């Protein structure tokens, strides 16, 4: 939740302009954190929102939970509600992400007394 709040703050979004939702509940049937993506899409549709931009905050790279759950299943669900759905591109192997991860590793190695 905090990461989403920080992203919204950096993007200068008002609290009414963004919502946090959770995807990929699975089939265990046990308790799940929420709200679910489908519940948020339904609420936004009822408010008359024409479309949504989804950012998968918890995932740096595309994989089945992004490519299927959002790009296919959530988009289809949104379309049935009359919403357009876009997904922000994942970082994947971007030079920016690679450099940031390398910096983190270098800092940790220096802090532990090791060098590359």
PDB file of N, CA and C in Angstrom:
ATOM      1  N   UNK A   1       0.819  -1.195   0.000  1.00  0.00           N
ATOM      2  CA  UNK A   1       0.000   0.000   0.000  1.00  0.00           C
ATOM      3  C   UNK A   1       0.862   1.257   0.000  1.00  0.00           C
ATOM      4  N   UNK A   2       1.924   1.216   0.774  1.00  0.00           N
ATOM      5  CA  UNK A   2       2.775   2.406   0.875  1.00  0.00           C
ATOM      6  C   UNK A   2       3.417   2.735  -0.465  1.00  0.00           C
ATOM      7  N   UNK A   3       3.846   1.728  -1.195  1.00  0.00           N
ATOM      8  CA  UNK A   3       4.442   1.972  -2.511  1.00  0.00           C
ATOM      9  C   UNK A   3       3.450   2.670  -3.426  1.00  0.00           C
ATOM     10  N   UNK A   4       2.211   2.211  -3.439  1.00  0.00           N
ATOM     11  CA  UNK A   4       1.183   2.845  -4.274  1.00  0.00           C
ATOM     12  C   UNK A   4       0.961   4.289  -3.849  1.00  0.00           C
ATOM     13  N   UNK A   5       0.965   4.540  -2.545  1.00  0.00           N
ATOM     14  CA  UNK A   5       0.803   5.912  -2.055  1.00  0.00           C
ATOM     15  C   UNK A   5       1.949   6.800  -2.519  1.00  0.00           C
ATOM     16  N   UNK A   6       3.169   6.282  -2.465  1.00  0.00           N
ATOM     17  CA  UNK A   6       4.332   7.060  -2.893  1.00  0.00           C
ATOM     18  C   UNK A   6       4.307   7.342  -4.392  1.00  0.00           C
ATOM     19  N   UNK A   7       3.882   6.360  -5.176  1.00  0.00           N
ATOM     20  CA  UNK A   7       3.769   6.569  -6.624  1.00  0.00           C
ATOM     21  C   UNK A   7       2.714   7.630  -6.920  1.00  0.00           C
ATOM     22  N   UNK A   8       1.574   7.539  -6.269  1.00  0.00           N
ATOM     23  CA  UNK A   8       0.506   8.524  -6.474  1.00  0.00           C
ATOM     24  C   UNK A   8       0.971   9.919  -6.067  1.00  0.00           C
ATOM     25  N   UNK A   9       1.702   9.991  -4.968  1.00  0.00           N
ATOM     26  CA  UNK A   9       2.226  11.278  -4.510  1.00  0.00           C
ATOM     27  C   UNK A   9       3.213  11.856  -5.524  1.00  0.00           C
ATOM     28  N   UNK A  10       4.120  11.020  -6.023  1.00  0.00           N
ATOM     29  CA  UNK A  10       5.102  11.483  -7.016  1.00  0.00           C
ATOM     30  C   UNK A  10       4.424  11.936  -8.305  1.00  0.00           C
ATOM     31  N   UNK A  11       3.298  11.315  -8.631  1.00  0.00           N
ATOM     32  CA  UNK A  11       2.547  11.682  -9.842  1.00  0.00           C
ATOM     33  C   UNK A  11       1.575  12.829  -9.574  1.00  0.00           C
ATOM     34  N   UNK A  12       1.618  13.369  -8.372  1.00  0.00           N
ATOM     35  CA  UNK A  12       0.729  14.448  -7.921  1.00  0.00           C
ATOM     36  C   UNK A  12      -0.749  14.139  -8.165  1.00  0.00           C
ATOM     37  N   UNK A  13      -1.134  12.900  -7.866  1.00  0.00           N
ATOM     38  CA  UNK A  13      -2.535  12.498  -7.987  1.00  0.00           C
ATOM     39  C   UNK A  13      -3.276  12.811  -6.693  1.00  0.00           C
ATOM     40  N   UNK A  14      -4.483  13.293  -6.817  1.00  0.00           N
ATOM     41  CA  UNK A  14      -5.336  13.499  -5.647  1.00  0.00           C
ATOM     42  C   UNK A  14      -5.848  12.132  -5.183  1.00  0.00           C
ATOM     43  N   UNK A  15      -6.236  12.043  -3.937  1.00  0.00           N
ATOM     44  CA  UNK A  15      -6.674  10.752  -3.395  1.00  0.00           C
ATOM     45  C   UNK A  15      -7.868  10.177  -4.151  1.00  0.00           C
ATOM     46  N   UNK A  16      -8.695  11.024  -4.740  1.00  0.00           N
ATOM     47  CA  UNK A  16      -9.845  10.546  -5.519  1.00  0.00           C
ATOM     48  C   UNK A  16      -9.458  10.052  -6.912  1.00  0.00           C
ATOM     49  N   UNK A  17      -8.212  10.315  -7.321  1.00  0.00           N
ATOM     50  CA  UNK A  17      -7.781   9.985  -8.684  1.00  0.00           C
ATOM     51  C   UNK A  17      -7.120   8.615  -8.815  1.00  0.00           C
ATOM     52  N   UNK A  18      -6.967   7.897  -7.717  1.00  0.00           N
ATOM     53  CA  UNK A  18      -6.337   6.581  -7.811  1.00  0.00           C
ATOM     54  C   UNK A  18      -6.910   5.660  -6.741  1.00  0.00           C
ATOM     55  N   UNK A  19      -6.794   4.362  -7.014  1.00  0.00           N
ATOM     56  CA  UNK A  19      -7.228   3.343  -6.056  1.00  0.00           C
ATOM     57  C   UNK A  19      -6.276   2.166  -6.121  1.00  0.00           C
ATOM     58  N   UNK A  20      -6.115   1.515  -5.006  1.00  0.00           N
ATOM     59  CA  UNK A  20      -5.300   0.314  -4.920  1.00  0.00           C
ATOM     60  C   UNK A  20      -6.209  -0.901  -5.027  1.00  0.00           C
ATOM     61  N   UNK A  21      -5.802  -1.873  -5.821  1.00  0.00           N
ATOM     62  CA  UNK A  21      -6.550  -3.130  -5.942  1.00  0.00           C
ATOM     63  C   UNK A  21      -5.548  -4.274  -5.981  1.00  0.00           C
ATOM     64  N   UNK A  22      -6.026  -5.458  -5.647  1.00  0.00           N
ATOM     65  CA  UNK A  22      -5.169  -6.637  -5.629  1.00  0.00           C
ATOM     66  C   UNK A  22      -5.677  -7.660  -6.634  1.00  0.00           C
ATOM     67  N   UNK A  23      -4.746  -8.323  -7.291  1.00  0.00           N
ATOM     68  CA  UNK A  23      -5.076  -9.300  -8.322  1.00  0.00           C
ATOM     69  C   UNK A  23      -4.610 -10.690  -7.908  1.00  0.00           C
ATOM     70  N   UNK A  24      -4.990 -11.682  -8.694  1.00  0.00           N
ATOM     71  CA  UNK A  24      -4.467 -13.049  -8.578  1.00  0.00           C
ATOM     72  C   UNK A  24      -4.787 -13.719  -7.254  1.00  0.00           C
ATOM     73  N   UNK A  25      -6.041 -13.707  -6.878  1.00  0.00           N
ATOM     74  CA  UNK A  25      -6.450 -14.307  -5.616  1.00  0.00           C
ATOM     75  C   UNK A  25      -6.133 -15.798  -5.553  1.00  0.00           C
ATOM     76  N   UNK A  26      -6.208 -16.484  -6.651  1.00  0.00           N
ATOM     77  CA  UNK A  26      -5.978 -17.917  -6.637  1.00  0.00           C
ATOM     78  C   UNK A  26      -7.248 -18.676  -6.310  1.00  0.00           C
ATOM     79  N   UNK A  27      -7.109 -19.962  -6.068  1.00  0.00           N
ATOM     80  CA  UNK A  27      -8.287 -20.803  -5.860  1.00  0.00           C
ATOM     81  C   UNK A  27      -8.325 -21.439  -4.473  1.00  0.00           C
ATOM     82  N   UNK A  28      -7.526 -20.947  -3.545  1.00  0.00           N
ATOM     83  CA  UNK A  28      -7.465 -21.571  -2.219  1.00  0.00           C
ATOM     84  C   UNK A  28      -8.769 -21.426  -1.445  1.00  0.00           C
ATOM     85  N   UNK A  29      -9.528 -20.378  -1.736  1.00  0.00           N
ATOM     86  CA  UNK A  29     -10.776 -20.159  -1.022  1.00  0.00           C
ATOM     87  C   UNK A  29     -10.600 -19.498   0.328  1.00  0.00           C
ATOM     88  N   UNK A  30      -9.354 -19.274   0.727  1.00  0.00           N
ATOM     89  CA  UNK A  30      -9.093 -18.637   2.009  1.00  0.00           C
ATOM     90  C   UNK A  30      -9.268 -17.133   1.939  1.00  0.00           C
ATOM     91  N   UNK A  31      -9.073 -16.465   3.071  1.00  0.00           N
ATOM     92  CA  UNK A  31      -9.192 -15.008   3.101  1.00  0.00           C
ATOM     93  C   UNK A  31      -8.211 -14.364   2.123  1.00  0.00           C
ATOM     94  N   UNK A  32      -8.611 -13.225   1.564  1.00  0.00           N
ATOM     95  CA  UNK A  32      -7.785 -12.543   0.577  1.00  0.00           C
ATOM     96  C   UNK A  32      -7.758 -11.057   0.889  1.00  0.00           C
ATOM     97  N   UNK A  33      -6.601 -10.465   0.647  1.00  0.00           N
ATOM     98  CA  UNK A  33      -6.519  -9.017   0.792  1.00  0.00           C
ATOM     99  C   UNK A  33      -7.357  -8.374  -0.296  1.00  0.00           C
ATOM    100  N   UNK A  34      -7.772  -7.203  -0.091  1.00  0.00           N
ATOM    101  CA  UNK A  34      -8.614  -6.560  -1.091  1.00  0.00           C
ATOM    102  C   UNK A  34      -8.439  -5.064  -1.038  1.00  0.00           C
ATOM    103  N   UNK A  35      -9.151  -4.403  -1.890  1.00  0.00           N
ATOM    104  CA  UNK A  35     -10.203  -4.883  -2.785  1.00  0.00           C
ATOM    105  C   UNK A  35      -9.627  -5.547  -4.038  1.00  0.00           C
ATOM    106  N   UNK A  36     -10.421  -6.416  -4.624  1.00  0.00           N
ATOM    107  CA  UNK A  36     -10.022  -7.094  -5.857  1.00  0.00           C
ATOM    108  C   UNK A  36     -10.120  -6.123  -7.030  1.00  0.00           C
ATOM    109  N   UNK A  37      -9.339  -6.367  -8.071  1.00  0.00           N
ATOM    110  CA  UNK A  37      -9.374  -5.544  -9.285  1.00  0.00           C
ATOM    111  C   UNK A  37     -10.797  -5.459  -9.821  1.00  0.00           C
ATOM    112  N   UNK A  38     -11.495  -6.587  -9.869  1.00  0.00           N
ATOM    113  CA  UNK A  38     -12.857  -6.614 -10.410  1.00  0.00           C
ATOM    114  C   UNK A  38     -13.808  -5.724  -9.608  1.00  0.00           C
ATOM    115  N   UNK A  39     -13.635  -5.714  -8.283  1.00  0.00           N
ATOM    116  CA  UNK A  39     -14.493  -4.882  -7.437  1.00  0.00           C
ATOM    117  C   UNK A  39     -14.245  -3.393  -7.689  1.00  0.00           C
ATOM    118  N   UNK A  40     -12.988  -3.023  -7.834  1.00  0.00           N
ATOM    119  CA  UNK A  40     -12.657  -1.621  -8.104  1.00  0.00           C
ATOM    120  C   UNK A  40     -13.169  -1.212  -9.480  1.00  0.00           C
ATOM    121  N   UNK A  41     -13.000  -2.081 -10.477  1.00  0.00           N
ATOM    122  CA  UNK A  41     -13.508  -1.766 -11.820  1.00  0.00           C
ATOM    123  C   UNK A  41     -15.027  -1.582 -11.801  1.00  0.00           C
ATOM    124  N   UNK A  42     -15.716  -2.433 -11.064  1.00  0.00           N
ATOM    125  CA  UNK A  42     -17.176  -2.327 -10.963  1.00  0.00           C
ATOM    126  C   UNK A  42     -17.575  -0.995 -10.327  1.00  0.00           C
ATOM    127  N   UNK A  43     -16.905  -0.624  -9.254  1.00  0.00           N
ATOM    128  CA  UNK A  43     -17.191   0.647  -8.586  1.00  0.00           C
ATOM    129  C   UNK A  43     -16.939   1.827  -9.518  1.00  0.00           C
ATOM    130  N   UNK A  44     -15.818   1.796 -10.222  1.00  0.00           N
ATOM    131  CA  UNK A  44     -15.492   2.894 -11.140  1.00  0.00           C
ATOM    132  C   UNK A  44     -16.506   2.987 -12.271  1.00  0.00           C
ATOM    133  N   UNK A  45     -16.945   1.850 -12.763  1.00  0.00           N
ATOM    134  CA  UNK A  45     -17.953   1.837 -13.824  1.00  0.00           C
ATOM    135  C   UNK A  45     -19.253   2.472 -13.340  1.00  0.00           C
ATOM    136  N   UNK A  46     -19.657   2.142 -12.133  1.00  0.00           N
ATOM    137  CA  UNK A  46     -20.896   2.699 -11.563  1.00  0.00           C
ATOM    138  C   UNK A  46     -20.804   4.212 -11.363  1.00  0.00           C
ATOM    139  N   UNK A  47     -19.585   4.702 -11.168  1.00  0.00           N
ATOM    140  CA  UNK A  47     -19.373   6.147 -11.001  1.00  0.00           C
ATOM    141  C   UNK A  47     -19.325   6.882 -12.342  1.00  0.00           C
ATOM    142  N   UNK A  48     -19.319   6.112 -13.428  1.00  0.00           N
ATOM    143  CA  UNK A  48     -19.267   6.735 -14.744  1.00  0.00           C
ATOM    144  C   UNK A  48     -17.869   6.991 -15.268  1.00  0.00           C
ATOM    145  N   UNK A  49     -16.881   6.378 -14.662  1.00  0.00           N
ATOM    146  CA  UNK A  49     -15.506   6.526 -15.120  1.00  0.00           C
ATOM    147  C   UNK A  49     -15.367   5.884 -16.497  1.00  0.00           C
ATOM    148  N   UNK A  50     -14.805   6.588 -17.478  1.00  0.00           N
ATOM    149  CA  UNK A  50     -14.721   6.024 -18.826  1.00  0.00           C
ATOM    150  C   UNK A  50     -13.583   5.023 -19.022  1.00  0.00           C
ATOM    151  N   UNK A  51     -12.528   5.129 -18.224  1.00  0.00           N
ATOM    152  CA  UNK A  51     -11.397   4.234 -18.408  1.00  0.00           C
ATOM    153  C   UNK A  51     -10.454   4.275 -17.224  1.00  0.00           C
ATOM    154  N   UNK A  52      -9.571   3.297 -17.171  1.00  0.00           N
ATOM    155  CA  UNK A  52      -8.610   3.202 -16.075  1.00  0.00           C
ATOM    156  C   UNK A  52      -7.229   2.861 -16.616  1.00  0.00           C
ATOM    157  N   UNK A  53      -6.223   3.346 -15.916  1.00  0.00           N
ATOM    158  CA  UNK A  53      -4.838   2.989 -16.198  1.00  0.00           C
ATOM    159  C   UNK A  53      -4.373   2.123 -15.043  1.00  0.00           C
ATOM    160  N   UNK A  54      -3.914   0.923 -15.344  1.00  0.00           N
ATOM    161  CA  UNK A  54      -3.455  -0.016 -14.323  1.00  0.00           C
ATOM    162  C   UNK A  54      -1.932  -0.027 -14.316  1.00  0.00           C
ATOM    163  N   UNK A  55      -1.365   0.073 -13.124  1.00  0.00           N
ATOM    164  CA  UNK A  55       0.079  -0.062 -12.939  1.00  0.00           C
ATOM    165  C   UNK A  55       0.293  -1.198 -11.956  1.00  0.00           C
ATOM    166  N   UNK A  56       0.979  -2.239 -12.398  1.00  0.00           N
ATOM    167  CA  UNK A  56       1.209  -3.395 -11.529  1.00  0.00           C
ATOM    168  C   UNK A  56       2.400  -3.107 -10.610  1.00  0.00           C
ATOM    169  N   UNK A  57       2.130  -2.394  -9.536  1.00  0.00           N
ATOM    170  CA  UNK A  57       3.154  -1.920  -8.605  1.00  0.00           C
ATOM    171  C   UNK A  57       4.018  -3.066  -8.066  1.00  0.00           C
ATOM    172  N   UNK A  58       3.431  -4.205  -7.815  1.00  0.00           N
ATOM    173  CA  UNK A  58       4.166  -5.306  -7.200  1.00  0.00           C
ATOM    174  C   UNK A  58       5.014  -6.135  -8.142  1.00  0.00           C
ATOM    175  N   UNK A  59       4.966  -5.852  -9.421  1.00  0.00           N
ATOM    176  CA  UNK A  59       5.700  -6.665 -10.392  1.00  0.00           C
ATOM    177  C   UNK A  59       6.587  -5.783 -11.258  1.00  0.00           C
ATOM    178  N   UNK A  60       7.874  -6.105 -11.324  1.00  0.00           N
ATOM    179  CA  UNK A  60       8.803  -5.350 -12.162  1.00  0.00           C
ATOM    180  C   UNK A  60       8.770  -5.797 -13.612  1.00  0.00           C
ATOM    181  N   UNK A  61       8.405  -7.056 -13.835  1.00  0.00           N
ATOM    182  CA  UNK A  61       8.481  -7.615 -15.184  1.00  0.00           C
ATOM    183  C   UNK A  61       7.182  -8.320 -15.552  1.00  0.00           C
ATOM    184  N   UNK A  62       6.949  -8.406 -16.845  1.00  0.00           N
ATOM    185  CA  UNK A  62       5.772  -9.108 -17.344  1.00  0.00           C
ATOM    186  C   UNK A  62       5.880 -10.604 -17.052  1.00  0.00           C
ATOM    187  N   UNK A  63       4.806 -11.184 -16.633  1.00  0.00           N
ATOM    188  CA  UNK A  63       4.685 -12.630 -16.458  1.00  0.00           C
ATOM    189  C   UNK A  63       3.204 -12.948 -16.489  1.00  0.00           C
ATOM    190  N   UNK A  64       2.819 -14.184 -16.206  1.00  0.00           N
ATOM    191  CA  UNK A  64       1.432 -14.600 -16.416  1.00  0.00           C
ATOM    192  C   UNK A  64       0.437 -13.774 -15.597  1.00  0.00           C
ATOM    193  N   UNK A  65       0.802 -13.363 -14.391  1.00  0.00           N
ATOM    194  CA  UNK A  65      -0.133 -12.580 -13.579  1.00  0.00           C
ATOM    195  C   UNK A  65      -0.363 -11.182 -14.149  1.00  0.00           C
ATOM    196  N   UNK A  66       0.540 -10.720 -14.965  1.00  0.00           N
ATOM    197  CA  UNK A  66       0.365  -9.429 -15.634  1.00  0.00           C
ATOM    198  C   UNK A  66      -0.247  -9.644 -17.015  1.00  0.00           C
ATOM    199  N   UNK A  67       0.383 -10.500 -17.796  1.00  0.00           N
ATOM    200  CA  UNK A  67      -0.031 -10.679 -19.191  1.00  0.00           C
ATOM    201  C   UNK A  67      -1.413 -11.307 -19.326  1.00  0.00           C
ATOM    202  N   UNK A  68      -1.759 -12.222 -18.440  1.00  0.00           N
ATOM    203  CA  UNK A  68      -3.097 -12.812 -18.521  1.00  0.00           C
ATOM    204  C   UNK A  68      -4.076 -12.089 -17.596  1.00  0.00           C
ATOM    205  N   UNK A  69      -3.752 -12.030 -16.308  1.00  0.00           N
ATOM    206  CA  UNK A  69      -4.713 -11.495 -15.334  1.00  0.00           C
ATOM    207  C   UNK A  69      -5.131 -10.054 -15.636  1.00  0.00           C
ATOM    208  N   UNK A  70      -4.197  -9.231 -16.080  1.00  0.00           N
ATOM    209  CA  UNK A  70      -4.531  -7.831 -16.366  1.00  0.00           C
ATOM    210  C   UNK A  70      -4.846  -7.632 -17.844  1.00  0.00           C
ATOM    211  N   UNK A  71      -3.886  -7.997 -18.707  1.00  0.00           N
ATOM    212  CA  UNK A  71      -4.043  -7.703 -20.142  1.00  0.00           C
ATOM    213  C   UNK A  71      -5.214  -8.427 -20.791  1.00  0.00           C
ATOM    214  N   UNK A  72      -5.555  -9.593 -20.296  1.00  0.00           N
ATOM    215  CA  UNK A  72      -6.652 -10.351 -20.914  1.00  0.00           C
ATOM    216  C   UNK A  72      -7.892 -10.346 -20.014  1.00  0.00           C
ATOM    217  N   UNK A  73      -7.779 -10.944 -18.823  1.00  0.00           N
ATOM    218  CA  UNK A  73      -8.969 -11.123 -17.976  1.00  0.00           C
ATOM    219  C   UNK A  73      -9.539  -9.796 -17.466  1.00  0.00           C
ATOM    220  N   UNK A  74      -8.694  -8.938 -16.901  1.00  0.00           N
ATOM    221  CA  UNK A  74      -9.205  -7.666 -16.369  1.00  0.00           C
ATOM    222  C   UNK A  74      -9.700  -6.760 -17.492  1.00  0.00           C
ATOM    223  N   UNK A  75      -8.986  -6.765 -18.618  1.00  0.00           N
ATOM    224  CA  UNK A  75      -9.436  -5.936 -19.748  1.00  0.00           C
ATOM    225  C   UNK A  75     -10.802  -6.404 -20.255  1.00  0.00           C
ATOM    226  N   UNK A  76     -10.991  -7.720 -20.356  1.00  0.00           N
ATOM    227  CA  UNK A  76     -12.282  -8.265 -20.796  1.00  0.00           C
ATOM    228  C   UNK A  76     -13.382  -7.903 -19.793  1.00  0.00           C
ATOM    229  N   UNK A  77     -13.087  -8.020 -18.512  1.00  0.00           N
ATOM    230  CA  UNK A  77     -14.044  -7.663 -17.466  1.00  0.00           C
ATOM    231  C   UNK A  77     -14.403  -6.179 -17.570  1.00  0.00           C
ATOM    232  N   UNK A  78     -13.390  -5.332 -17.747  1.00  0.00           N
ATOM    233  CA  UNK A  78     -13.620  -3.889 -17.871  1.00  0.00           C
ATOM    234  C   UNK A  78     -14.485  -3.576 -19.086  1.00  0.00           C
ATOM    235  N   UNK A  79     -14.201  -4.228 -20.201  1.00  0.00           N
ATOM    236  CA  UNK A  79     -14.983  -3.984 -21.423  1.00  0.00           C
ATOM    237  C   UNK A  79     -16.456  -4.326 -21.216  1.00  0.00           C
ATOM    238  N   UNK A  80     -16.729  -5.404 -20.489  1.00  0.00           N
ATOM    239  CA  UNK A  80     -18.125  -5.772 -20.206  1.00  0.00           C
ATOM    240  C   UNK A  80     -18.827  -4.694 -19.385  1.00  0.00           C
ATOM    241  N   UNK A  81     -18.047  -3.939 -18.612  1.00  0.00           N
ATOM    242  CA  UNK A  81     -18.597  -2.856 -17.797  1.00  0.00           C
ATOM    243  C   UNK A  81     -18.640  -1.529 -18.553  1.00  0.00           C
ATOM    244  N   UNK A  82     -18.122  -1.535 -19.772  1.00  0.00           N
ATOM    245  CA  UNK A  82     -18.081  -0.302 -20.553  1.00  0.00           C
ATOM    246  C   UNK A  82     -16.874   0.573 -20.254  1.00  0.00           C
ATOM    247  N   UNK A  83     -15.860   0.002 -19.613  1.00  0.00           N
ATOM    248  CA  UNK A  83     -14.633   0.732 -19.285  1.00  0.00           C
ATOM    249  C   UNK A  83     -13.526   0.399 -20.273  1.00  0.00           C
ATOM    250  N   UNK A  84     -12.696   1.374 -20.573  1.00  0.00           N
ATOM    251  CA  UNK A  84     -11.455   1.094 -21.296  1.00  0.00           C
ATOM    252  C   UNK A  84     -10.385   0.844 -20.244  1.00  0.00           C
ATOM    253  N   UNK A  85      -9.471  -0.068 -20.523  1.00  0.00           N
ATOM    254  CA  UNK A  85      -8.410  -0.383 -19.571  1.00  0.00           C
ATOM    255  C   UNK A  85      -7.070  -0.355 -20.290  1.00  0.00           C
ATOM    256  N   UNK A  86      -6.145   0.405 -19.739  1.00  0.00           N
ATOM    257  CA  UNK A  86      -4.773   0.441 -20.223  1.00  0.00           C
ATOM    258  C   UNK A  86      -3.881  -0.028 -19.089  1.00  0.00           C
ATOM    259  N   UNK A  87      -2.739  -0.619 -19.438  1.00  0.00           N
ATOM    260  CA  UNK A  87      -1.755  -1.014 -18.422  1.00  0.00           C
ATOM    261  C   UNK A  87      -0.437  -0.325 -18.731  1.00  0.00           C
ATOM    262  N   UNK A  88       0.129   0.300 -17.714  1.00  0.00           N
ATOM    263  CA  UNK A  88       1.448   0.907 -17.873  1.00  0.00           C
ATOM    264  C   UNK A  88       2.465  -0.198 -18.142  1.00  0.00           C
ATOM    265  N   UNK A  89       3.403   0.097 -18.996  1.00  0.00           N
ATOM    266  CA  UNK A  89       4.418  -0.885 -19.382  1.00  0.00           C
ATOM    267  C   UNK A  89       5.268  -1.283 -18.174  1.00  0.00           C
ATOM    268  N   UNK A  90       5.561  -2.562 -18.073  1.00  0.00           N
ATOM    269  CA  UNK A  90       6.443  -3.048 -17.007  1.00  0.00           C
ATOM    270  C   UNK A  90       7.887  -2.652 -17.316  1.00  0.00           C
ATOM    271  N   UNK A  91       8.707  -2.613 -16.278  1.00  0.00           N
ATOM    272  CA  UNK A  91      10.104  -2.232 -16.478  1.00  0.00           C
ATOM    273  C   UNK A  91      10.886  -3.297 -17.237  1.00  0.00           C
ATOM    274  N   UNK A  92      10.561  -4.559 -17.013  1.00  0.00           N
ATOM    275  CA  UNK A  92      11.232  -5.669 -17.691  1.00  0.00           C
ATOM    276  C   UNK A  92      12.746  -5.504 -17.628  1.00  0.00           C
ATOM    277  N   UNK A  93      13.431  -5.546 -18.760  1.00  0.00           N
ATOM    278  CA  UNK A  93      14.896  -5.458 -18.787  1.00  0.00           C
ATOM    279  C   UNK A  93      15.355  -4.065 -19.209  1.00  0.00           C
ATOM    280  N   UNK A  94      14.625  -3.042 -18.807  1.00  0.00           N
ATOM    281  CA  UNK A  94      14.977  -1.681 -19.213  1.00  0.00           C
ATOM    282  C   UNK A  94      16.351  -1.296 -18.665  1.00  0.00           C
ATOM    283  N   UNK A  95      17.092  -0.491 -19.405  1.00  0.00           N
ATOM    284  CA  UNK A  95      18.402  -0.039 -18.919  1.00  0.00           C
ATOM    285  C   UNK A  95      18.296   0.682 -17.570  1.00  0.00           C
ATOM    286  N   UNK A  96      17.206   1.424 -17.361  1.00  0.00           N
ATOM    287  CA  UNK A  96      17.031   2.144 -16.105  1.00  0.00           C
ATOM    288  C   UNK A  96      16.926   1.168 -14.934  1.00  0.00           C
ATOM    289  N   UNK A  97      16.124   0.119 -15.084  1.00  0.00           N
ATOM    290  CA  UNK A  97      15.968  -0.862 -14.006  1.00  0.00           C
ATOM    291  C   UNK A  97      17.270  -1.615 -13.770  1.00  0.00           C
ATOM    292  N   UNK A  98      17.914  -2.030 -14.840  1.00  0.00           N
ATOM    293  CA  UNK A  98      19.177  -2.758 -14.717  1.00  0.00           C
ATOM    294  C   UNK A  98      20.210  -1.925 -13.965  1.00  0.00           C
ATOM    295  N   UNK A  99      20.324  -0.647 -14.308  1.00  0.00           N
ATOM    296  CA  UNK A  99      21.276   0.241 -13.632  1.00  0.00           C
ATOM    297  C   UNK A  99      20.906   0.425 -12.159  1.00  0.00           C
ATOM    298  N   UNK A 100      19.616   0.589 -11.871  1.00  0.00           N
ATOM    299  CA  UNK A 100      19.173   0.772 -10.486  1.00  0.00           C
ATOM    300  C   UNK A 100      19.480  -0.470  -9.646  1.00  0.00           C
ATOM    301  N   UNK A 101      19.212  -1.646 -10.192  1.00  0.00           N
ATOM    302  CA  UNK A 101      19.496  -2.887  -9.460  1.00  0.00           C
ATOM    303  C   UNK A 101      20.996  -3.067  -9.244  1.00  0.00           C
ATOM    304  N   UNK A 102      21.792  -2.732 -10.255  1.00  0.00           N
ATOM    305  CA  UNK A 102      23.249  -2.823 -10.119  1.00  0.00           C
ATOM    306  C   UNK A 102      23.744  -1.876  -9.025  1.00  0.00           C
ATOM    307  N   UNK A 103      23.186  -0.674  -8.959  1.00  0.00           N
ATOM    308  CA  UNK A 103      23.564   0.278  -7.907  1.00  0.00           C
ATOM    309  C   UNK A 103      23.237  -0.268  -6.521  1.00  0.00           C
ATOM    310  N   UNK A 104      22.083  -0.899  -6.389  1.00  0.00           N
ATOM    311  CA  UNK A 104      21.695  -1.478  -5.096  1.00  0.00           C
ATOM    312  C   UNK A 104      22.678  -2.566  -4.682  1.00  0.00           C
ATOM    313  N   UNK A 105      23.043  -3.431  -5.623  1.00  0.00           N
ATOM    314  CA  UNK A 105      23.992  -4.510  -5.326  1.00  0.00           C
ATOM    315  C   UNK A 105      25.338  -3.926  -4.928  1.00  0.00           C
ATOM    316  N   UNK A 106      25.822  -2.929  -5.677  1.00  0.00           N
ATOM    317  CA  UNK A 106      27.111  -2.306  -5.349  1.00  0.00           C
ATOM    318  C   UNK A 106      27.088  -1.700  -3.942  1.00  0.00           C
ATOM    319  N   UNK A 107      26.020  -1.002  -3.616  1.00  0.00           N
ATOM    320  CA  UNK A 107      25.901  -0.387  -2.282  1.00  0.00           C
ATOM    321  C   UNK A 107      25.907  -1.441  -1.184  1.00  0.00           C
ATOM    322  N   UNK A 108      25.190  -2.521  -1.398  1.00  0.00           N
ATOM    323  CA  UNK A 108      25.143  -3.599  -0.390  1.00  0.00           C
ATOM    324  C   UNK A 108      26.515  -4.258  -0.229  1.00  0.00           C
ATOM    325  N   UNK A 109      27.201  -4.470  -1.355  1.00  0.00           N
ATOM    326  CA  UNK A 109      28.533  -5.074  -1.282  1.00  0.00           C
ATOM    327  C   UNK A 109      29.501  -4.167  -0.536  1.00  0.00           C
ATOM    328  N   UNK A 110      29.465  -2.872  -0.839  1.00  0.00           N
ATOM    329  CA  UNK A 110      30.339  -1.920  -0.139  1.00  0.00           C
ATOM    330  C   UNK A 110      30.024  -1.898   1.357  1.00  0.00           C
ATOM    331  N   UNK A 111      28.747  -1.907   1.694  1.00  0.00           N
ATOM    332  CA  UNK A 111      28.336  -1.863   3.102  1.00  0.00           C
ATOM    333  C   UNK A 111      28.807  -3.101   3.861  1.00  0.00           C
ATOM    334  N   UNK A 112      28.916  -4.220   3.162  1.00  0.00           N
ATOM    335  CA  UNK A 112      29.357  -5.459   3.813  1.00  0.00           C
ATOM    336  C   UNK A 112      30.876  -5.615   3.778  1.00  0.00           C
ATOM    337  N   UNK A 113      31.558  -4.647   3.135  1.00  0.00           N
ATOM    338  CA  UNK A 113      33.012  -4.712   3.050  1.00  0.00           C
ATOM    339  C   UNK A 113      33.515  -5.452   1.834  1.00  0.00           C
ATOM    340  N   UNK A 114      32.626  -5.962   1.014  1.00  0.00           N
ATOM    341  CA  UNK A 114      33.031  -6.657  -0.204  1.00  0.00           C
ATOM    342  C   UNK A 114      33.099  -5.671  -1.361  1.00  0.00           C
ATOM    343  N   UNK A 115      33.857  -6.011  -2.353  1.00  0.00           N
ATOM    344  CA  UNK A 115      33.945  -5.203  -3.575  1.00  0.00           C
ATOM    345  C   UNK A 115      33.710  -6.100  -4.778  1.00  0.00           C
ATOM    346  N   UNK A 116      33.285  -5.477  -5.854  1.00  0.00           N
ATOM    347  CA  UNK A 116      33.052  -6.238  -7.095  1.00  0.00           C
ATOM    348  C   UNK A 116      34.360  -6.399  -7.823  1.00  0.00           C
TER     349      UNK A 116
END
